Each structure stands twice: as C-alpha cells, then as structure tokens.
N, C-alpha and C. Protein backbone atom coordinates (compact mmCIF):
# COMPACT_ATOMS: atom_id res chain seq x y z
N MET A 1 0.85 -1.17 0.00
CA MET A 1 0.00 0.00 0.00
C MET A 1 0.90 1.23 0.00
N SER A 2 0.63 2.15 -0.91
CA SER A 2 1.48 3.33 -1.02
C SER A 2 0.90 4.49 -0.21
N GLU A 3 1.73 5.49 -0.01
CA GLU A 3 1.37 6.68 0.77
C GLU A 3 0.47 7.61 -0.03
N LYS A 4 -0.47 8.28 0.64
CA LYS A 4 -1.31 9.29 -0.01
C LYS A 4 -0.48 10.55 -0.21
N LEU A 5 -0.56 11.17 -1.40
CA LEU A 5 0.23 12.37 -1.66
C LEU A 5 -0.56 13.39 -2.45
N LEU A 6 -0.14 14.64 -2.34
CA LEU A 6 -0.84 15.78 -2.92
C LEU A 6 0.15 16.64 -3.69
N LEU A 7 -0.29 17.17 -4.82
CA LEU A 7 0.52 18.09 -5.63
C LEU A 7 -0.31 19.33 -5.89
N ARG A 8 0.17 20.48 -5.41
CA ARG A 8 -0.53 21.76 -5.62
C ARG A 8 0.06 22.44 -6.84
N ILE A 9 -0.83 22.95 -7.72
CA ILE A 9 -0.41 23.56 -8.98
C ILE A 9 -1.00 24.96 -9.08
N GLY A 10 -0.16 25.91 -9.47
CA GLY A 10 -0.62 27.28 -9.65
C GLY A 10 0.54 28.20 -9.98
N ARG A 11 0.23 29.49 -10.01
CA ARG A 11 1.22 30.50 -10.38
C ARG A 11 2.07 30.95 -9.19
N ALA A 12 1.56 30.84 -7.98
CA ALA A 12 2.28 31.30 -6.79
C ALA A 12 3.50 30.43 -6.52
N PRO A 13 4.59 31.02 -6.03
CA PRO A 13 5.83 30.27 -5.82
C PRO A 13 5.75 29.20 -4.74
N GLU A 14 4.76 29.25 -3.86
CA GLU A 14 4.65 28.24 -2.82
C GLU A 14 4.01 26.93 -3.30
N ASN A 15 3.55 26.87 -4.54
CA ASN A 15 2.97 25.63 -5.09
C ASN A 15 4.07 24.61 -5.35
N ASP A 16 3.67 23.34 -5.43
CA ASP A 16 4.61 22.27 -5.74
C ASP A 16 5.01 22.32 -7.21
N LEU A 17 4.06 22.67 -8.07
CA LEU A 17 4.33 22.83 -9.50
C LEU A 17 3.91 24.25 -9.87
N VAL A 18 4.88 25.08 -10.20
CA VAL A 18 4.63 26.48 -10.51
C VAL A 18 4.57 26.63 -12.02
N ILE A 19 3.45 27.19 -12.52
CA ILE A 19 3.26 27.41 -13.95
C ILE A 19 2.95 28.89 -14.14
N ASN A 20 3.84 29.58 -14.81
CA ASN A 20 3.64 31.01 -15.09
C ASN A 20 2.93 31.14 -16.43
N HIS A 21 1.62 31.29 -16.38
CA HIS A 21 0.79 31.39 -17.58
C HIS A 21 -0.41 32.25 -17.23
N ASP A 22 -0.92 33.00 -18.19
CA ASP A 22 -2.03 33.92 -17.93
C ASP A 22 -3.30 33.22 -17.45
N ASP A 23 -3.52 31.97 -17.86
CA ASP A 23 -4.75 31.25 -17.50
C ASP A 23 -4.65 30.48 -16.18
N ILE A 24 -3.58 30.66 -15.45
CA ILE A 24 -3.36 29.90 -14.22
C ILE A 24 -3.55 30.82 -13.02
N GLY A 25 -4.33 30.34 -12.04
CA GLY A 25 -4.53 31.10 -10.80
C GLY A 25 -3.39 30.86 -9.82
N ASN A 26 -3.35 31.64 -8.76
CA ASN A 26 -2.29 31.49 -7.75
C ASN A 26 -2.25 30.08 -7.17
N LEU A 27 -3.38 29.55 -6.73
CA LEU A 27 -3.52 28.14 -6.37
C LEU A 27 -4.66 27.64 -7.23
N HIS A 28 -4.33 27.04 -8.34
CA HIS A 28 -5.34 26.71 -9.36
C HIS A 28 -5.99 25.36 -9.09
N LEU A 29 -5.18 24.33 -8.86
CA LEU A 29 -5.74 23.00 -8.65
C LEU A 29 -4.82 22.15 -7.82
N GLU A 30 -5.36 20.99 -7.39
CA GLU A 30 -4.57 20.00 -6.68
C GLU A 30 -4.76 18.65 -7.35
N LEU A 31 -3.68 17.90 -7.45
CA LEU A 31 -3.73 16.50 -7.86
C LEU A 31 -3.46 15.68 -6.61
N PHE A 32 -4.26 14.64 -6.40
CA PHE A 32 -4.15 13.82 -5.21
C PHE A 32 -4.05 12.37 -5.63
N ARG A 33 -3.05 11.66 -5.13
CA ARG A 33 -2.95 10.22 -5.37
C ARG A 33 -3.34 9.51 -4.09
N ASP A 34 -4.33 8.62 -4.19
CA ASP A 34 -4.74 7.90 -3.00
C ASP A 34 -3.84 6.68 -2.79
N ALA A 35 -4.11 5.93 -1.75
CA ALA A 35 -3.26 4.79 -1.39
C ALA A 35 -3.25 3.68 -2.44
N THR A 36 -4.26 3.64 -3.30
CA THR A 36 -4.29 2.60 -4.34
C THR A 36 -3.77 3.09 -5.68
N GLY A 37 -3.33 4.35 -5.75
CA GLY A 37 -2.75 4.87 -6.98
C GLY A 37 -3.70 5.66 -7.86
N ASN A 38 -4.96 5.79 -7.47
CA ASN A 38 -5.91 6.60 -8.24
C ASN A 38 -5.52 8.07 -8.13
N ILE A 39 -5.69 8.82 -9.24
CA ILE A 39 -5.36 10.24 -9.27
C ILE A 39 -6.66 11.04 -9.34
N PHE A 40 -6.85 11.93 -8.37
CA PHE A 40 -8.01 12.81 -8.32
C PHE A 40 -7.54 14.23 -8.59
N ILE A 41 -8.38 15.02 -9.26
CA ILE A 41 -8.08 16.41 -9.53
C ILE A 41 -9.15 17.26 -8.86
N THR A 42 -8.73 18.35 -8.22
CA THR A 42 -9.64 19.26 -7.54
C THR A 42 -9.36 20.68 -8.01
N ASP A 43 -10.38 21.35 -8.53
CA ASP A 43 -10.25 22.77 -8.86
C ASP A 43 -10.39 23.54 -7.56
N MET A 44 -9.46 24.45 -7.32
CA MET A 44 -9.45 25.21 -6.07
C MET A 44 -10.21 26.53 -6.25
N GLU A 45 -11.38 26.43 -6.89
CA GLU A 45 -12.25 27.57 -7.16
C GLU A 45 -11.50 28.67 -7.91
N SER A 46 -10.71 28.22 -8.90
CA SER A 46 -9.95 29.17 -9.71
C SER A 46 -10.90 29.97 -10.59
N SER A 47 -10.60 31.23 -10.77
CA SER A 47 -11.47 32.08 -11.60
C SER A 47 -11.34 31.72 -13.07
N PHE A 48 -10.22 31.12 -13.45
CA PHE A 48 -9.99 30.76 -14.86
C PHE A 48 -10.60 29.40 -15.20
N GLY A 49 -10.87 28.57 -14.21
CA GLY A 49 -11.50 27.28 -14.41
C GLY A 49 -10.53 26.17 -14.76
N THR A 50 -10.95 24.96 -14.42
CA THR A 50 -10.24 23.74 -14.79
C THR A 50 -11.23 22.89 -15.56
N TYR A 51 -10.80 22.34 -16.69
CA TYR A 51 -11.68 21.57 -17.56
C TYR A 51 -11.10 20.17 -17.75
N VAL A 52 -11.93 19.17 -17.58
CA VAL A 52 -11.54 17.79 -17.85
C VAL A 52 -12.39 17.32 -19.02
N ASN A 53 -11.71 17.00 -20.12
CA ASN A 53 -12.39 16.61 -21.36
C ASN A 53 -13.44 17.65 -21.78
N ASN A 54 -13.04 18.92 -21.71
CA ASN A 54 -13.84 20.08 -22.12
C ASN A 54 -15.07 20.34 -21.25
N LYS A 55 -15.17 19.71 -20.07
CA LYS A 55 -16.26 19.99 -19.14
C LYS A 55 -15.66 20.69 -17.92
N ARG A 56 -16.25 21.82 -17.55
CA ARG A 56 -15.72 22.56 -16.40
C ARG A 56 -15.86 21.74 -15.14
N LEU A 57 -14.79 21.68 -14.41
CA LEU A 57 -14.74 20.90 -13.18
C LEU A 57 -15.27 21.73 -12.02
N LYS A 58 -16.21 21.17 -11.32
CA LYS A 58 -16.72 21.76 -10.08
C LYS A 58 -16.38 20.77 -8.98
N GLY A 59 -15.52 21.14 -8.07
CA GLY A 59 -15.11 20.22 -7.02
C GLY A 59 -13.98 19.34 -7.50
N TYR A 60 -14.18 18.01 -7.41
CA TYR A 60 -13.12 17.09 -7.78
C TYR A 60 -13.66 15.95 -8.64
N THR A 61 -12.73 15.22 -9.30
CA THR A 61 -13.10 14.04 -10.07
C THR A 61 -11.90 13.11 -10.18
N LEU A 62 -12.17 11.85 -10.46
CA LEU A 62 -11.13 10.85 -10.70
C LEU A 62 -10.66 10.99 -12.13
N LEU A 63 -9.35 11.06 -12.33
CA LEU A 63 -8.80 11.13 -13.68
C LEU A 63 -8.54 9.73 -14.20
N GLY A 64 -8.79 9.55 -15.49
CA GLY A 64 -8.50 8.29 -16.16
C GLY A 64 -7.49 8.51 -17.27
N MET A 65 -6.79 7.44 -17.64
CA MET A 65 -5.81 7.54 -18.71
C MET A 65 -6.46 8.15 -19.95
N GLY A 66 -5.79 9.12 -20.53
CA GLY A 66 -6.30 9.77 -21.73
C GLY A 66 -7.16 10.99 -21.48
N ASP A 67 -7.54 11.25 -20.23
CA ASP A 67 -8.32 12.45 -19.92
C ASP A 67 -7.48 13.70 -20.21
N GLU A 68 -8.11 14.68 -20.86
CA GLU A 68 -7.43 15.94 -21.14
C GLU A 68 -7.78 16.95 -20.05
N VAL A 69 -6.76 17.57 -19.48
CA VAL A 69 -6.96 18.58 -18.44
C VAL A 69 -6.50 19.92 -19.00
N ARG A 70 -7.43 20.89 -19.01
CA ARG A 70 -7.13 22.23 -19.50
C ARG A 70 -7.35 23.22 -18.38
N LEU A 71 -6.40 24.13 -18.22
CA LEU A 71 -6.50 25.19 -17.22
C LEU A 71 -6.81 26.47 -17.95
N GLY A 72 -7.90 27.11 -17.59
CA GLY A 72 -8.32 28.34 -18.26
C GLY A 72 -8.69 28.04 -19.70
N GLU A 73 -8.45 29.02 -20.56
CA GLU A 73 -8.85 28.88 -21.97
C GLU A 73 -7.88 28.07 -22.81
N SER A 74 -6.59 28.03 -22.42
CA SER A 74 -5.64 27.49 -23.38
C SER A 74 -4.54 26.60 -22.84
N TYR A 75 -4.31 26.52 -21.53
CA TYR A 75 -3.16 25.75 -21.03
C TYR A 75 -3.55 24.29 -20.82
N ILE A 76 -2.92 23.39 -21.57
CA ILE A 76 -3.16 21.95 -21.43
C ILE A 76 -2.13 21.39 -20.46
N LEU A 77 -2.61 20.76 -19.39
CA LEU A 77 -1.73 20.14 -18.40
C LEU A 77 -1.56 18.68 -18.76
N LYS A 78 -0.34 18.28 -19.06
CA LYS A 78 -0.01 16.88 -19.40
C LYS A 78 0.19 16.12 -18.08
N TRP A 79 -0.90 15.89 -17.37
CA TRP A 79 -0.85 15.32 -16.02
C TRP A 79 -0.32 13.89 -16.01
N GLU A 80 -0.52 13.14 -17.09
CA GLU A 80 -0.11 11.73 -17.10
C GLU A 80 1.41 11.56 -17.05
N LYS A 81 2.15 12.59 -17.42
CA LYS A 81 3.61 12.44 -17.43
C LYS A 81 4.23 12.64 -16.05
N TYR A 82 3.41 12.96 -15.05
CA TYR A 82 3.92 13.16 -13.70
C TYR A 82 3.43 12.06 -12.78
N THR A 83 4.28 11.72 -11.82
CA THR A 83 3.88 10.84 -10.74
C THR A 83 4.17 11.57 -9.44
N ILE A 84 3.42 11.28 -8.42
CA ILE A 84 3.59 11.95 -7.14
C ILE A 84 4.12 10.90 -6.18
N GLU A 85 5.33 11.12 -5.68
CA GLU A 85 5.93 10.14 -4.77
C GLU A 85 6.82 10.84 -3.76
N PRO A 86 7.19 10.11 -2.69
CA PRO A 86 8.04 10.73 -1.67
C PRO A 86 9.38 11.19 -2.27
N VAL A 87 9.92 12.24 -1.68
CA VAL A 87 11.18 12.83 -2.17
C VAL A 87 12.37 12.03 -1.68
N SER A 88 13.31 11.79 -2.57
CA SER A 88 14.60 11.27 -2.14
C SER A 88 15.62 12.41 -2.22
N THR A 89 15.64 13.12 -3.36
CA THR A 89 16.47 14.31 -3.48
C THR A 89 15.66 15.36 -4.22
N PRO A 90 15.50 16.56 -3.66
CA PRO A 90 14.72 17.59 -4.34
C PRO A 90 15.40 18.06 -5.62
N ARG A 91 14.57 18.31 -6.65
CA ARG A 91 15.06 18.86 -7.92
C ARG A 91 14.25 20.09 -8.23
N ILE A 92 14.90 21.13 -8.75
CA ILE A 92 14.20 22.37 -9.07
C ILE A 92 14.52 22.75 -10.50
N SER A 93 13.47 23.09 -11.27
CA SER A 93 13.66 23.59 -12.63
C SER A 93 12.94 24.93 -12.75
N ALA A 94 13.05 25.57 -13.89
CA ALA A 94 12.42 26.88 -14.09
C ALA A 94 10.91 26.78 -14.02
N GLN A 95 10.33 25.71 -14.55
CA GLN A 95 8.87 25.58 -14.59
C GLN A 95 8.30 24.81 -13.40
N GLU A 96 9.11 23.97 -12.74
CA GLU A 96 8.60 23.13 -11.68
C GLU A 96 9.41 23.31 -10.41
N ARG A 97 8.71 23.39 -9.26
CA ARG A 97 9.39 23.50 -7.99
C ARG A 97 8.77 22.49 -7.04
N PRO A 98 9.35 21.30 -6.92
CA PRO A 98 8.80 20.31 -5.99
C PRO A 98 8.85 20.80 -4.55
N SER A 99 7.92 20.33 -3.74
CA SER A 99 7.93 20.70 -2.33
C SER A 99 8.99 19.88 -1.61
N GLN A 100 9.16 20.13 -0.34
CA GLN A 100 10.14 19.38 0.44
C GLN A 100 9.60 18.00 0.79
N LYS A 101 8.33 17.75 0.63
CA LYS A 101 7.75 16.47 0.99
C LYS A 101 7.61 15.51 -0.18
N GLN A 102 7.60 16.02 -1.38
CA GLN A 102 7.36 15.17 -2.54
C GLN A 102 8.08 15.72 -3.76
N THR A 103 8.14 14.90 -4.79
CA THR A 103 8.78 15.33 -6.02
C THR A 103 7.89 15.01 -7.19
N VAL A 104 8.06 15.71 -8.26
CA VAL A 104 7.30 15.49 -9.49
C VAL A 104 8.28 14.94 -10.49
N ARG A 105 7.97 13.79 -11.08
CA ARG A 105 8.92 13.14 -11.96
C ARG A 105 8.17 12.51 -13.13
N PRO A 106 8.73 12.56 -14.35
CA PRO A 106 8.07 11.91 -15.48
C PRO A 106 7.92 10.41 -15.23
N THR A 107 6.79 9.86 -15.64
CA THR A 107 6.59 8.42 -15.52
C THR A 107 6.74 7.79 -16.88
N GLN A 108 6.90 6.48 -16.90
CA GLN A 108 6.93 5.75 -18.15
C GLN A 108 5.61 5.02 -18.26
N LYS A 109 4.93 5.22 -19.39
CA LYS A 109 3.65 4.55 -19.59
C LYS A 109 3.90 3.11 -19.99
N THR A 110 3.13 2.21 -19.40
CA THR A 110 3.19 0.80 -19.79
C THR A 110 1.79 0.31 -20.04
N GLU A 111 1.69 -0.65 -20.93
CA GLU A 111 0.37 -1.19 -21.26
C GLU A 111 -0.25 -1.86 -20.04
N SER A 112 0.56 -2.56 -19.24
CA SER A 112 -0.01 -3.26 -18.09
C SER A 112 -0.59 -2.27 -17.08
N ARG A 113 0.08 -1.11 -16.88
CA ARG A 113 -0.45 -0.10 -15.96
C ARG A 113 -1.78 0.43 -16.47
N LYS A 114 -1.87 0.67 -17.80
CA LYS A 114 -3.13 1.15 -18.37
C LYS A 114 -4.23 0.12 -18.15
N LYS A 115 -3.92 -1.16 -18.40
CA LYS A 115 -4.93 -2.21 -18.24
C LYS A 115 -5.38 -2.30 -16.80
N ASP A 116 -4.43 -2.22 -15.82
CA ASP A 116 -4.80 -2.27 -14.41
C ASP A 116 -5.72 -1.12 -14.05
N PHE A 117 -5.41 0.08 -14.52
CA PHE A 117 -6.21 1.25 -14.22
C PHE A 117 -7.61 1.10 -14.80
N VAL A 118 -7.68 0.66 -16.07
CA VAL A 118 -8.98 0.51 -16.72
C VAL A 118 -9.80 -0.55 -16.02
N SER A 119 -9.18 -1.68 -15.64
CA SER A 119 -9.96 -2.73 -14.99
C SER A 119 -10.48 -2.28 -13.63
N LYS A 120 -9.69 -1.52 -12.86
CA LYS A 120 -10.16 -1.00 -11.57
C LYS A 120 -11.34 -0.06 -11.78
N ARG A 121 -11.23 0.81 -12.79
CA ARG A 121 -12.30 1.76 -13.07
C ARG A 121 -13.56 1.04 -13.53
N ASP A 122 -13.40 0.03 -14.41
CA ASP A 122 -14.55 -0.73 -14.88
C ASP A 122 -15.24 -1.45 -13.73
N THR A 123 -14.47 -2.02 -12.81
CA THR A 123 -15.04 -2.73 -11.67
C THR A 123 -15.85 -1.77 -10.81
N THR A 124 -15.32 -0.60 -10.55
CA THR A 124 -16.04 0.40 -9.76
C THR A 124 -17.32 0.81 -10.46
N THR A 125 -17.25 1.05 -11.77
CA THR A 125 -18.43 1.43 -12.54
C THR A 125 -19.47 0.33 -12.51
N ASN A 126 -19.05 -0.93 -12.66
CA ASN A 126 -19.98 -2.06 -12.62
C ASN A 126 -20.68 -2.17 -11.27
N LYS A 127 -19.94 -1.98 -10.18
CA LYS A 127 -20.55 -2.04 -8.85
C LYS A 127 -21.59 -0.93 -8.68
N GLU A 128 -21.25 0.27 -9.17
CA GLU A 128 -22.18 1.39 -9.06
C GLU A 128 -23.45 1.11 -9.87
N LEU A 129 -23.31 0.55 -11.06
CA LEU A 129 -24.48 0.23 -11.89
C LEU A 129 -25.34 -0.83 -11.23
N ILE A 130 -24.74 -1.83 -10.64
CA ILE A 130 -25.51 -2.88 -9.96
C ILE A 130 -26.32 -2.28 -8.82
N ILE A 131 -25.73 -1.37 -8.07
CA ILE A 131 -26.45 -0.72 -6.96
C ILE A 131 -27.61 0.10 -7.50
N ILE A 132 -27.37 0.86 -8.56
CA ILE A 132 -28.44 1.70 -9.14
C ILE A 132 -29.57 0.83 -9.67
N TYR A 133 -29.25 -0.22 -10.41
CA TYR A 133 -30.29 -1.10 -10.95
C TYR A 133 -31.05 -1.82 -9.84
N SER A 134 -30.36 -2.19 -8.78
CA SER A 134 -31.03 -2.84 -7.65
C SER A 134 -32.04 -1.90 -7.00
N ILE A 135 -31.65 -0.65 -6.83
CA ILE A 135 -32.57 0.34 -6.23
C ILE A 135 -33.77 0.55 -7.14
N LEU A 136 -33.53 0.66 -8.45
CA LEU A 136 -34.64 0.83 -9.39
C LEU A 136 -35.58 -0.37 -9.35
N LEU A 137 -35.04 -1.56 -9.33
CA LEU A 137 -35.87 -2.76 -9.27
C LEU A 137 -36.69 -2.78 -7.98
N PHE A 138 -36.08 -2.41 -6.86
CA PHE A 138 -36.78 -2.34 -5.59
C PHE A 138 -37.93 -1.35 -5.65
N LEU A 139 -37.70 -0.18 -6.24
CA LEU A 139 -38.76 0.82 -6.37
C LEU A 139 -39.89 0.34 -7.26
N ILE A 140 -39.56 -0.35 -8.34
CA ILE A 140 -40.60 -0.89 -9.23
C ILE A 140 -41.45 -1.92 -8.49
N ILE A 141 -40.81 -2.77 -7.71
CA ILE A 141 -41.56 -3.78 -6.94
C ILE A 141 -42.47 -3.10 -5.92
N LEU A 142 -41.96 -2.06 -5.24
CA LEU A 142 -42.80 -1.34 -4.28
C LEU A 142 -44.00 -0.69 -4.97
N MET A 143 -43.78 -0.10 -6.13
CA MET A 143 -44.89 0.52 -6.87
C MET A 143 -45.91 -0.53 -7.25
N TYR A 144 -45.47 -1.70 -7.67
CA TYR A 144 -46.39 -2.77 -8.06
C TYR A 144 -47.21 -3.25 -6.86
N LEU A 145 -46.57 -3.40 -5.70
CA LEU A 145 -47.25 -3.89 -4.50
C LEU A 145 -48.31 -2.92 -3.97
N PHE A 146 -48.03 -1.61 -4.12
CA PHE A 146 -48.95 -0.62 -3.55
C PHE A 146 -49.97 -0.08 -4.53
N ASN A 147 -50.01 -0.61 -5.74
CA ASN A 147 -51.04 -0.19 -6.70
C ASN A 147 -52.20 -1.12 -6.74
C-alpha cells in the first residue's frame, strides 16, 4: 500500500508545480494520489477554471488515462507524465518546484499499468451500476405492490 500524496499547482511560488501562464490562478488545482494509486483532480475555485475533457470541473473528479486537463482557456496540463511520490532528493527547474515532501517526476507509460487502471475503473463502474439497478428494481416492486 502506497502513501497518499498531494501536488498543488498554480502560479504562486509556494505551489509544488509552478506554472507562469495567464490562465493559471495562484492556487489553481490539486492533484491527489490515494493509497491505491488513483489520481483525483480538484479545482481550487480558480477564476480561470479547470476543464476535464472540455467539461468545467466543479469540485473534484477521478482522472482516467487519456483524460485531457485544460487550465483556463488554453493551457493543457499533461498530467499523465507526472507521478507523485516521496522525495529522495529535491530537484528544481524553471517551470517546476517540488515541495520538500514530494517530487514530481516523469513516468513511463506501460500497457499493463493502463490495463490495471482501466480494470479498476470498470469494476467500480460495474458495482455502481448494480447498486443503481437494484434500487430501481426495488422501487418498481414497491410501486407494483402498492397499486
């Protein structure tokens, strides 16, 4: 089981990933990796907005492989190329400033990782659908009994 980690993104220098762009707010968004490796994105009520697959994000959502993340009108965040993990040695570049607790590092995409992610997501979706259909069936039975 891996550690839960957070990556703050924005224009302000105290963010973990600093992006100097007109469409980026001071604290624009957060990426969160849970203990099982799922990546969640949260818009921090930025005035420029965060869009996932061209839909404005309100609150947070789970990101899936291939999801496009856009900040404001024009900045595309290539979120899949980063992984969030504990720091061994801090690295600083002009565009990125990792925090003292974590580092941002390019990942290597593998087919097996994509398949694992898709299968976890499909399983969750299937469980949710089963619950929804069960509730609907229960309501239909209740309507039949009371008519």
